[in-house]
Amino acid sequence: MTPARRAPTAPEACATHELHPQAVARALAAQPTPEQVERAATLLKVVADPTRLRLLSALNAAGPGGELCVCDLAAVIGLSESAVSHQLRLLRQVRAVQARRAGRVVYYRLLDAHLTVLIGSALEHASEPG
């Protein structure tokens, strides 16, 4: 009969229950408000969709202040203009993009530099090995 093996301790859990008051106080002081957490989570959920991330990536490639119209975006990501418009509507609702109408053409751009950093960081992280 072989002896029973002990399961290894999970690295995610502490072996003992010991609080570190200064670390807890720093973390508590840095916590965002519930409203900030909710807005950020909503933004991340919307951006997490592959189609919308591709749209944001295309707008990001347009450069700071760069714009692309719905037709251009449809050509870049290979969707119909109707489908692109639907996705852009969702991105406008979470304040990820801003629209500008020039006659019959609607141009879109990223709302601010925060999104450039977010998209760039996410795609850079995804390209790292392992």
Protein backbone atom coordinates (compact mmCIF):
# COMPACT_ATOMS: atom_id res chain seq x y z
CA MET A 1 0.00 0.00 0.00
CA THR A 2 1.39 3.41 -0.98
CA PRO A 3 1.19 6.30 1.45
CA ALA A 4 -1.36 9.02 0.68
CA ARG A 5 0.13 12.11 -0.92
CA ARG A 6 -0.57 15.53 0.49
CA ALA A 7 -1.90 17.99 -2.02
CA PRO A 8 0.60 20.80 -2.60
CA THR A 9 -0.31 24.11 -1.03
CA ALA A 10 -1.92 26.38 -3.60
CA PRO A 11 0.32 29.40 -4.31
CA GLU A 12 -2.80 31.60 -4.35
CA ALA A 13 -3.50 31.02 -0.64
CA CYS A 14 -1.55 31.96 2.47
CA ALA A 15 -0.38 29.09 4.64
CA THR A 16 -1.28 31.15 7.72
CA HIS A 17 -3.86 33.84 8.35
CA GLU A 18 -1.84 36.93 9.14
CA LEU A 19 -2.83 40.50 8.27
CA HIS A 20 -0.29 43.15 7.38
CA PRO A 21 -2.00 46.35 8.61
CA GLN A 22 0.16 48.85 6.72
CA ALA A 23 -0.23 47.02 3.41
CA VAL A 24 -3.98 46.69 3.96
CA ALA A 25 -4.27 50.41 4.81
CA ARG A 26 -2.37 51.41 1.63
CA ALA A 27 -4.54 49.14 -0.51
CA LEU A 28 -7.74 50.44 1.09
CA ALA A 29 -6.69 54.06 0.56
CA ALA A 30 -6.05 53.37 -3.12
CA GLN A 31 -9.40 51.70 -3.80
CA PRO A 32 -11.52 53.43 -6.45
CA THR A 33 -15.09 54.41 -5.68
CA PRO A 34 -17.83 51.88 -6.48
CA GLU A 35 -18.97 54.14 -9.33
CA GLN A 36 -15.47 54.21 -10.83
CA VAL A 37 -15.24 50.43 -10.60
CA GLU A 38 -18.60 50.01 -12.31
CA ARG A 39 -17.76 52.40 -15.16
CA ALA A 40 -14.33 50.83 -15.67
CA ALA A 41 -15.78 47.31 -15.65
CA THR A 42 -18.40 48.32 -18.20
CA LEU A 43 -15.72 49.83 -20.44
CA LEU A 44 -13.55 46.72 -20.17
CA LYS A 45 -16.51 44.45 -20.98
CA VAL A 46 -17.30 46.45 -24.12
CA VAL A 47 -13.65 46.62 -25.20
CA ALA A 48 -13.20 42.88 -24.55
CA ASP A 49 -15.27 41.99 -27.63
CA PRO A 50 -12.88 40.98 -30.47
CA THR A 51 -14.74 43.01 -33.11
CA ARG A 52 -14.78 46.15 -31.00
CA LEU A 53 -11.12 45.67 -30.07
CA ARG A 54 -10.28 45.46 -33.77
CA LEU A 55 -12.20 48.68 -34.40
CA LEU A 56 -10.38 50.43 -31.57
CA SER A 57 -7.06 49.09 -32.81
CA ALA A 58 -7.80 50.49 -36.29
CA LEU A 59 -8.66 53.88 -34.80
CA ASN A 60 -5.54 53.71 -32.66
CA ALA A 61 -3.45 53.11 -35.80
CA ALA A 62 -4.91 56.31 -37.27
CA GLY A 63 -2.67 58.15 -34.80
CA PRO A 64 -3.38 60.86 -32.25
CA GLY A 65 -6.50 62.68 -33.31
CA GLY A 66 -6.70 60.49 -36.41
CA GLU A 67 -10.10 59.61 -37.75
CA LEU A 68 -11.62 56.89 -39.89
CA CYS A 69 -15.10 56.87 -41.39
CA VAL A 70 -17.48 53.93 -41.10
CA CYS A 71 -16.64 52.83 -44.67
CA ASP A 72 -12.92 52.81 -43.88
CA LEU A 73 -13.45 50.87 -40.67
CA ALA A 74 -15.66 48.33 -42.43
CA ALA A 75 -12.92 47.76 -45.02
CA VAL A 76 -10.21 47.39 -42.38
CA ILE A 77 -11.98 44.80 -40.25
CA GLY A 78 -14.01 43.08 -42.97
CA LEU A 79 -17.54 43.72 -41.71
CA SER A 80 -20.53 45.44 -43.21
CA GLU A 81 -20.99 49.14 -42.59
CA SER A 82 -24.18 48.33 -40.69
CA ALA A 83 -22.35 45.95 -38.35
CA VAL A 84 -19.57 48.48 -37.82
CA SER A 85 -22.09 51.23 -37.04
CA HIS A 86 -23.77 49.00 -34.46
CA GLN A 87 -20.45 48.30 -32.71
CA LEU A 88 -19.47 51.98 -32.84
CA ARG A 89 -22.77 52.89 -31.17
CA LEU A 90 -21.81 50.67 -28.21
CA LEU A 91 -18.34 52.20 -28.09
CA ARG A 92 -19.86 55.71 -28.05
CA GLN A 93 -22.09 54.74 -25.12
CA VAL A 94 -19.07 53.89 -22.96
CA ARG A 95 -17.20 57.00 -24.12
CA ALA A 96 -14.52 55.07 -26.00
CA VAL A 97 -14.98 56.85 -29.34
CA GLN A 98 -16.24 60.19 -30.54
CA ALA A 99 -18.11 60.81 -33.78
CA ARG A 100 -17.93 63.80 -36.11
CA ARG A 101 -20.28 64.29 -39.05
CA ALA A 102 -19.02 65.97 -42.21
CA GLY A 103 -21.92 66.12 -44.64
CA ARG A 104 -23.04 62.54 -45.20
CA VAL A 105 -19.88 60.98 -43.76
CA VAL A 106 -19.39 60.15 -40.07
CA TYR A 107 -15.80 60.03 -38.82
CA TYR A 108 -14.73 58.31 -35.61
CA ARG A 109 -11.72 58.74 -33.38
CA LEU A 110 -10.62 57.45 -30.00
CA LEU A 111 -11.95 59.69 -27.28
CA ASP A 112 -8.67 60.12 -25.39
CA ALA A 113 -5.12 58.92 -24.80
CA HIS A 114 -6.24 56.55 -22.03
CA LEU A 115 -7.72 54.27 -24.65
CA THR A 116 -4.56 54.38 -26.73
CA VAL A 117 -2.60 53.17 -23.69
CA LEU A 118 -5.24 50.54 -22.80
CA ILE A 119 -5.36 49.09 -26.32
CA GLY A 120 -1.61 49.22 -26.79
CA SER A 121 -0.96 47.56 -23.44
CA ALA A 122 -3.54 44.83 -23.99
CA LEU A 123 -2.21 43.96 -27.45
CA GLU A 124 1.41 44.13 -26.28
CA HIS A 125 0.60 41.81 -23.37
CA ALA A 126 -1.15 39.40 -25.74
CA SER A 127 1.92 39.25 -27.98
CA GLU A 128 4.26 38.24 -25.14
CA PRO A 129 5.30 34.59 -25.15
CA GLY A 130 3.99 32.16 -22.58
